[in-house]
Amino acid sequence: MVKTKIVDIFVDLLGVSAEEVTEDARLIEDLAVDSLDAVELSLALEEQFSLTVEDHEIEQLQTVSDVINLIQRKLG
């Protein structure tokens, strides 16, 4: 469920297809996430999952799998 919601966020935010948002997709290289996208991603994750994502946490994310793991960890 978390993964599906995160994929939906990437699709809505970046205009990519769900097929492109694989767990091993790299945020910068494969999905072309830039600094503005990273801020928007952080806000979307916070809103969707009712939690706080710190700037330093977003900066450390490399892949979609990293995003999923961060959210799952925060949700406990």
PDB file of N, CA and C in Angstrom:
ATOM      1  N   MET A   1       0.824  -1.198   0.000  1.00  0.00           N
ATOM      2  CA  MET A   1       0.000   0.000   0.000  1.00  0.00           C
ATOM      3  C   MET A   1       0.869   1.263   0.000  1.00  0.00           C
ATOM      4  N   VAL A   2       1.920   1.276   0.828  1.00  0.00           N
ATOM      5  CA  VAL A   2       2.823   2.421   0.866  1.00  0.00           C
ATOM      6  C   VAL A   2       3.472   2.602  -0.507  1.00  0.00           C
ATOM      7  N   LYS A   3       3.943   1.487  -1.079  1.00  0.00           N
ATOM      8  CA  LYS A   3       4.613   1.562  -2.377  1.00  0.00           C
ATOM      9  C   LYS A   3       3.680   2.132  -3.443  1.00  0.00           C
ATOM     10  N   THR A   4       2.439   1.681  -3.478  1.00  0.00           N
ATOM     11  CA  THR A   4       1.476   2.158  -4.474  1.00  0.00           C
ATOM     12  C   THR A   4       1.243   3.654  -4.340  1.00  0.00           C
ATOM     13  N   LYS A   5       1.097   4.121  -3.113  1.00  0.00           N
ATOM     14  CA  LYS A   5       0.887   5.555  -2.887  1.00  0.00           C
ATOM     15  C   LYS A   5       2.104   6.367  -3.318  1.00  0.00           C
ATOM     16  N   ILE A   6       3.300   5.834  -3.040  1.00  0.00           N
ATOM     17  CA  ILE A   6       4.518   6.542  -3.428  1.00  0.00           C
ATOM     18  C   ILE A   6       4.659   6.576  -4.945  1.00  0.00           C
ATOM     19  N   VAL A   7       4.373   5.475  -5.605  1.00  0.00           N
ATOM     20  CA  VAL A   7       4.400   5.452  -7.076  1.00  0.00           C
ATOM     21  C   VAL A   7       3.430   6.491  -7.619  1.00  0.00           C
ATOM     22  N   ASP A   8       2.236   6.558  -7.059  1.00  0.00           N
ATOM     23  CA  ASP A   8       1.243   7.551  -7.500  1.00  0.00           C
ATOM     24  C   ASP A   8       1.762   8.977  -7.322  1.00  0.00           C
ATOM     25  N   ILE A   9       2.464   9.231  -6.228  1.00  0.00           N
ATOM     26  CA  ILE A   9       3.035  10.564  -5.996  1.00  0.00           C
ATOM     27  C   ILE A   9       4.048  10.898  -7.085  1.00  0.00           C
ATOM     28  N   PHE A  10       4.931   9.952  -7.408  1.00  0.00           N
ATOM     29  CA  PHE A  10       5.918  10.191  -8.463  1.00  0.00           C
ATOM     30  C   PHE A  10       5.238  10.439  -9.809  1.00  0.00           C
ATOM     31  N   VAL A  11       4.217   9.658 -10.125  1.00  0.00           N
ATOM     32  CA  VAL A  11       3.500   9.815 -11.396  1.00  0.00           C
ATOM     33  C   VAL A  11       2.872  11.208 -11.467  1.00  0.00           C
ATOM     34  N   ASP A  12       2.188  11.610 -10.401  1.00  0.00           N
ATOM     35  CA  ASP A  12       1.532  12.923 -10.378  1.00  0.00           C
ATOM     36  C   ASP A  12       2.538  14.068 -10.396  1.00  0.00           C
ATOM     37  N   LEU A  13       3.605  13.924  -9.623  1.00  0.00           N
ATOM     38  CA  LEU A  13       4.577  14.995  -9.461  1.00  0.00           C
ATOM     39  C   LEU A  13       5.454  15.182 -10.693  1.00  0.00           C
ATOM     40  N   LEU A  14       5.905  14.071 -11.265  1.00  0.00           N
ATOM     41  CA  LEU A  14       6.896  14.143 -12.343  1.00  0.00           C
ATOM     42  C   LEU A  14       6.316  13.916 -13.731  1.00  0.00           C
ATOM     43  N   GLY A  15       5.079  13.434 -13.793  1.00  0.00           N
ATOM     44  CA  GLY A  15       4.493  13.158 -15.102  1.00  0.00           C
ATOM     45  C   GLY A  15       5.117  11.956 -15.790  1.00  0.00           C
ATOM     46  N   VAL A  16       5.651  11.019 -15.013  1.00  0.00           N
ATOM     47  CA  VAL A  16       6.223   9.796 -15.568  1.00  0.00           C
ATOM     48  C   VAL A  16       5.173   8.692 -15.480  1.00  0.00           C
ATOM     49  N   SER A  17       5.417   7.601 -16.180  1.00  0.00           N
ATOM     50  CA  SER A  17       4.475   6.480 -16.111  1.00  0.00           C
ATOM     51  C   SER A  17       4.790   5.628 -14.881  1.00  0.00           C
ATOM     52  N   ALA A  18       3.801   4.922 -14.397  1.00  0.00           N
ATOM     53  CA  ALA A  18       3.992   4.059 -13.236  1.00  0.00           C
ATOM     54  C   ALA A  18       5.037   2.984 -13.520  1.00  0.00           C
ATOM     55  N   GLU A  19       5.148   2.564 -14.771  1.00  0.00           N
ATOM     56  CA  GLU A  19       6.132   1.547 -15.144  1.00  0.00           C
ATOM     57  C   GLU A  19       7.566   2.043 -14.971  1.00  0.00           C
ATOM     58  N   GLU A  20       7.763   3.345 -15.077  1.00  0.00           N
ATOM     59  CA  GLU A  20       9.102   3.922 -14.901  1.00  0.00           C
ATOM     60  C   GLU A  20       9.518   3.988 -13.435  1.00  0.00           C
ATOM     61  N   VAL A  21       8.541   3.967 -12.538  1.00  0.00           N
ATOM     62  CA  VAL A  21       8.812   4.142 -11.114  1.00  0.00           C
ATOM     63  C   VAL A  21       9.024   2.768 -10.471  1.00  0.00           C
ATOM     64  N   THR A  22      10.158   2.159 -10.798  1.00  0.00           N
ATOM     65  CA  THR A  22      10.524   0.880 -10.196  1.00  0.00           C
ATOM     66  C   THR A  22      11.295   1.140  -8.917  1.00  0.00           C
ATOM     67  N   GLU A  23      11.411   0.128  -8.079  1.00  0.00           N
ATOM     68  CA  GLU A  23      12.116   0.322  -6.810  1.00  0.00           C
ATOM     69  C   GLU A  23      13.580   0.680  -7.009  1.00  0.00           C
ATOM     70  N   ASP A  24      14.174   0.203  -8.095  1.00  0.00           N
ATOM     71  CA  ASP A  24      15.589   0.512  -8.329  1.00  0.00           C
ATOM     72  C   ASP A  24      15.808   1.747  -9.205  1.00  0.00           C
ATOM     73  N   ALA A  25      14.724   2.434  -9.570  1.00  0.00           N
ATOM     74  CA  ALA A  25      14.854   3.663 -10.356  1.00  0.00           C
ATOM     75  C   ALA A  25      15.562   4.722  -9.516  1.00  0.00           C
ATOM     76  N   ARG A  26      16.606   5.315 -10.098  1.00  0.00           N
ATOM     77  CA  ARG A  26      17.352   6.363  -9.408  1.00  0.00           C
ATOM     78  C   ARG A  26      16.623   7.690  -9.586  1.00  0.00           C
ATOM     79  N   LEU A  27      16.509   8.427  -8.511  1.00  0.00           N
ATOM     80  CA  LEU A  27      15.708   9.656  -8.531  1.00  0.00           C
ATOM     81  C   LEU A  27      16.249  10.674  -9.527  1.00  0.00           C
ATOM     82  N   ILE A  28      17.536  10.945  -9.480  1.00  0.00           N
ATOM     83  CA  ILE A  28      18.110  11.983 -10.343  1.00  0.00           C
ATOM     84  C   ILE A  28      18.343  11.455 -11.750  1.00  0.00           C
ATOM     85  N   GLU A  29      19.024  10.341 -11.853  1.00  0.00           N
ATOM     86  CA  GLU A  29      19.439   9.827 -13.162  1.00  0.00           C
ATOM     87  C   GLU A  29      18.285   9.279 -13.990  1.00  0.00           C
ATOM     88  N   ASP A  30      17.381   8.518 -13.360  1.00  0.00           N
ATOM     89  CA  ASP A  30      16.311   7.855 -14.109  1.00  0.00           C
ATOM     90  C   ASP A  30      15.014   8.659 -14.163  1.00  0.00           C
ATOM     91  N   LEU A  31      14.692   9.345 -13.069  1.00  0.00           N
ATOM     92  CA  LEU A  31      13.416  10.061 -12.998  1.00  0.00           C
ATOM     93  C   LEU A  31      13.569  11.573 -13.117  1.00  0.00           C
ATOM     94  N   ALA A  32      14.804  12.043 -13.244  1.00  0.00           N
ATOM     95  CA  ALA A  32      15.104  13.468 -13.444  1.00  0.00           C
ATOM     96  C   ALA A  32      14.541  14.363 -12.335  1.00  0.00           C
ATOM     97  N   VAL A  33      14.642  13.885 -11.099  1.00  0.00           N
ATOM     98  CA  VAL A  33      14.211  14.686  -9.953  1.00  0.00           C
ATOM     99  C   VAL A  33      15.244  15.790  -9.730  1.00  0.00           C
ATOM    100  N   ASP A  34      14.788  17.042  -9.723  1.00  0.00           N
ATOM    101  CA  ASP A  34      15.682  18.161  -9.428  1.00  0.00           C
ATOM    102  C   ASP A  34      15.376  18.681  -8.024  1.00  0.00           C
ATOM    103  N   SER A  35      16.031  19.746  -7.622  1.00  0.00           N
ATOM    104  CA  SER A  35      15.871  20.236  -6.252  1.00  0.00           C
ATOM    105  C   SER A  35      14.445  20.695  -5.952  1.00  0.00           C
ATOM    106  N   LEU A  36      13.786  21.314  -6.914  1.00  0.00           N
ATOM    107  CA  LEU A  36      12.399  21.725  -6.713  1.00  0.00           C
ATOM    108  C   LEU A  36      11.490  20.505  -6.591  1.00  0.00           C
ATOM    109  N   ASP A  37      11.732  19.503  -7.432  1.00  0.00           N
ATOM    110  CA  ASP A  37      10.958  18.258  -7.343  1.00  0.00           C
ATOM    111  C   ASP A  37      11.143  17.600  -5.980  1.00  0.00           C
ATOM    112  N   ALA A  38      12.365  17.662  -5.448  1.00  0.00           N
ATOM    113  CA  ALA A  38      12.646  17.058  -4.148  1.00  0.00           C
ATOM    114  C   ALA A  38      11.834  17.725  -3.044  1.00  0.00           C
ATOM    115  N   VAL A  39      11.721  19.045  -3.105  1.00  0.00           N
ATOM    116  CA  VAL A  39      10.910  19.774  -2.127  1.00  0.00           C
ATOM    117  C   VAL A  39       9.440  19.383  -2.274  1.00  0.00           C
ATOM    118  N   GLU A  40       8.965  19.333  -3.505  1.00  0.00           N
ATOM    119  CA  GLU A  40       7.576  18.960  -3.748  1.00  0.00           C
ATOM    120  C   GLU A  40       7.315  17.512  -3.327  1.00  0.00           C
ATOM    121  N   LEU A  41       8.290  16.637  -3.553  1.00  0.00           N
ATOM    122  CA  LEU A  41       8.167  15.251  -3.127  1.00  0.00           C
ATOM    123  C   LEU A  41       8.041  15.173  -1.614  1.00  0.00           C
ATOM    124  N   SER A  42       8.887  15.909  -0.928  1.00  0.00           N
ATOM    125  CA  SER A  42       8.848  15.934   0.528  1.00  0.00           C
ATOM    126  C   SER A  42       7.477  16.376   1.031  1.00  0.00           C
ATOM    127  N   LEU A  43       6.958  17.446   0.464  1.00  0.00           N
ATOM    128  CA  LEU A  43       5.645  17.960   0.868  1.00  0.00           C
ATOM    129  C   LEU A  43       4.536  16.957   0.579  1.00  0.00           C
ATOM    130  N   ALA A  44       4.605  16.321  -0.580  1.00  0.00           N
ATOM    131  CA  ALA A  44       3.584  15.338  -0.959  1.00  0.00           C
ATOM    132  C   ALA A  44       3.622  14.129  -0.031  1.00  0.00           C
ATOM    133  N   LEU A  45       4.826  13.677   0.322  1.00  0.00           N
ATOM    134  CA  LEU A  45       4.949  12.546   1.242  1.00  0.00           C
ATOM    135  C   LEU A  45       4.407  12.909   2.618  1.00  0.00           C
ATOM    136  N   GLU A  46       4.736  14.105   3.082  1.00  0.00           N
ATOM    137  CA  GLU A  46       4.247  14.552   4.390  1.00  0.00           C
ATOM    138  C   GLU A  46       2.724  14.601   4.411  1.00  0.00           C
ATOM    139  N   GLU A  47       2.146  15.124   3.345  1.00  0.00           N
ATOM    140  CA  GLU A  47       0.691  15.240   3.277  1.00  0.00           C
ATOM    141  C   GLU A  47       0.026  13.862   3.164  1.00  0.00           C
ATOM    142  N   GLN A  48       0.540  13.032   2.301  1.00  0.00           N
ATOM    143  CA  GLN A  48      -0.053  11.710   2.062  1.00  0.00           C
ATOM    144  C   GLN A  48       0.001  10.819   3.305  1.00  0.00           C
ATOM    145  N   PHE A  49       1.130  10.854   4.017  1.00  0.00           N
ATOM    146  CA  PHE A  49       1.333   9.929   5.121  1.00  0.00           C
ATOM    147  C   PHE A  49       1.258  10.579   6.498  1.00  0.00           C
ATOM    148  N   SER A  50       0.934  11.860   6.551  1.00  0.00           N
ATOM    149  CA  SER A  50       0.788  12.591   7.823  1.00  0.00           C
ATOM    150  C   SER A  50       2.014  12.431   8.719  1.00  0.00           C
ATOM    151  N   LEU A  51       3.172  12.746   8.146  1.00  0.00           N
ATOM    152  CA  LEU A  51       4.422  12.684   8.892  1.00  0.00           C
ATOM    153  C   LEU A  51       5.335  13.804   8.438  1.00  0.00           C
ATOM    154  N   THR A  52       6.479  13.924   9.101  1.00  0.00           N
ATOM    155  CA  THR A  52       7.450  14.960   8.762  1.00  0.00           C
ATOM    156  C   THR A  52       8.666  14.326   8.102  1.00  0.00           C
ATOM    157  N   VAL A  53       9.076  14.903   6.975  1.00  0.00           N
ATOM    158  CA  VAL A  53      10.286  14.457   6.289  1.00  0.00           C
ATOM    159  C   VAL A  53      11.269  15.624   6.330  1.00  0.00           C
ATOM    160  N   GLU A  54      12.401  15.397   6.966  1.00  0.00           N
ATOM    161  CA  GLU A  54      13.410  16.444   7.106  1.00  0.00           C
ATOM    162  C   GLU A  54      14.185  16.621   5.799  1.00  0.00           C
ATOM    163  N   ASP A  55      14.705  17.819   5.580  1.00  0.00           N
ATOM    164  CA  ASP A  55      15.482  18.108   4.375  1.00  0.00           C
ATOM    165  C   ASP A  55      16.668  17.155   4.221  1.00  0.00           C
ATOM    166  N   HIS A  56      17.375  16.895   5.310  1.00  0.00           N
ATOM    167  CA  HIS A  56      18.548  16.020   5.216  1.00  0.00           C
ATOM    168  C   HIS A  56      18.149  14.587   4.843  1.00  0.00           C
ATOM    169  N   GLU A  57      16.936  14.182   5.199  1.00  0.00           N
ATOM    170  CA  GLU A  57      16.472  12.843   4.823  1.00  0.00           C
ATOM    171  C   GLU A  57      16.217  12.774   3.324  1.00  0.00           C
ATOM    172  N   ILE A  58      15.602  13.801   2.778  1.00  0.00           N
ATOM    173  CA  ILE A  58      15.334  13.843   1.337  1.00  0.00           C
ATOM    174  C   ILE A  58      16.645  13.867   0.556  1.00  0.00           C
ATOM    175  N   GLU A  59      17.613  14.620   1.039  1.00  0.00           N
ATOM    176  CA  GLU A  59      18.903  14.728   0.348  1.00  0.00           C
ATOM    177  C   GLU A  59      19.637  13.396   0.263  1.00  0.00           C
ATOM    178  N   GLN A  60      19.380  12.492   1.191  1.00  0.00           N
ATOM    179  CA  GLN A  60      20.072  11.201   1.226  1.00  0.00           C
ATOM    180  C   GLN A  60      19.427  10.147   0.322  1.00  0.00           C
ATOM    181  N   LEU A  61      18.231  10.408  -0.155  1.00  0.00           N
ATOM    182  CA  LEU A  61      17.514   9.417  -0.960  1.00  0.00           C
ATOM    183  C   LEU A  61      18.112   9.314  -2.355  1.00  0.00           C
ATOM    184  N   GLN A  62      18.355   8.094  -2.787  1.00  0.00           N
ATOM    185  CA  GLN A  62      18.954   7.856  -4.102  1.00  0.00           C
ATOM    186  C   GLN A  62      17.982   7.160  -5.063  1.00  0.00           C
ATOM    187  N   THR A  63      17.159   6.273  -4.521  1.00  0.00           N
ATOM    188  CA  THR A  63      16.267   5.463  -5.357  1.00  0.00           C
ATOM    189  C   THR A  63      14.844   5.501  -4.812  1.00  0.00           C
ATOM    190  N   VAL A  64      13.934   5.004  -5.615  1.00  0.00           N
ATOM    191  CA  VAL A  64      12.540   4.890  -5.173  1.00  0.00           C
ATOM    192  C   VAL A  64      12.472   3.971  -3.952  1.00  0.00           C
ATOM    193  N   SER A  65      13.271   2.923  -3.943  1.00  0.00           N
ATOM    194  CA  SER A  65      13.319   2.012  -2.797  1.00  0.00           C
ATOM    195  C   SER A  65      13.716   2.754  -1.527  1.00  0.00           C
ATOM    196  N   ASP A  66      14.651   3.691  -1.633  1.00  0.00           N
ATOM    197  CA  ASP A  66      15.041   4.501  -0.472  1.00  0.00           C
ATOM    198  C   ASP A  66      13.854   5.293   0.066  1.00  0.00           C
ATOM    199  N   VAL A  67      13.048   5.829  -0.833  1.00  0.00           N
ATOM    200  CA  VAL A  67      11.865   6.596  -0.429  1.00  0.00           C
ATOM    201  C   VAL A  67      10.883   5.677   0.298  1.00  0.00           C
ATOM    202  N   ILE A  68      10.626   4.519  -0.277  1.00  0.00           N
ATOM    203  CA  ILE A  68       9.700   3.559   0.333  1.00  0.00           C
ATOM    204  C   ILE A  68      10.191   3.161   1.729  1.00  0.00           C
ATOM    205  N   ASN A  69      11.477   2.850   1.834  1.00  0.00           N
ATOM    206  CA  ASN A  69      12.042   2.437   3.128  1.00  0.00           C
ATOM    207  C   ASN A  69      11.949   3.546   4.162  1.00  0.00           C
ATOM    208  N   LEU A  70      12.209   4.786   3.758  1.00  0.00           N
ATOM    209  CA  LEU A  70      12.109   5.919   4.683  1.00  0.00           C
ATOM    210  C   LEU A  70      10.692   6.043   5.227  1.00  0.00           C
ATOM    211  N   ILE A  71       9.718   5.996   4.356  1.00  0.00           N
ATOM    212  CA  ILE A  71       8.331   6.153   4.790  1.00  0.00           C
ATOM    213  C   ILE A  71       7.908   4.986   5.672  1.00  0.00           C
ATOM    214  N   GLN A  72       8.260   3.776   5.297  1.00  0.00           N
ATOM    215  CA  GLN A  72       7.906   2.611   6.122  1.00  0.00           C
ATOM    216  C   GLN A  72       8.544   2.696   7.505  1.00  0.00           C
ATOM    217  N   ARG A  73       9.789   3.156   7.572  1.00  0.00           N
ATOM    218  CA  ARG A  73      10.471   3.331   8.844  1.00  0.00           C
ATOM    219  C   ARG A  73       9.750   4.366   9.703  1.00  0.00           C
ATOM    220  N   LYS A  74       9.349   5.473   9.085  1.00  0.00           N
ATOM    221  CA  LYS A  74       8.673   6.540   9.825  1.00  0.00           C
ATOM    222  C   LYS A  74       7.279   6.120  10.291  1.00  0.00           C
ATOM    223  N   LEU A  75       6.634   5.278   9.520  1.00  0.00           N
ATOM    224  CA  LEU A  75       5.299   4.816   9.891  1.00  0.00           C
ATOM    225  C   LEU A  75       5.363   3.746  10.981  1.00  0.00           C
ATOM    226  N   GLY A  76       6.555   3.178  11.164  1.00  0.00           N
ATOM    227  CA  GLY A  76       6.765   2.195  12.226  1.00  0.00           C
ATOM    228  C   GLY A  76       6.271   0.852  11.823  1.00  0.00           C
TER     229      GLY A  76
END
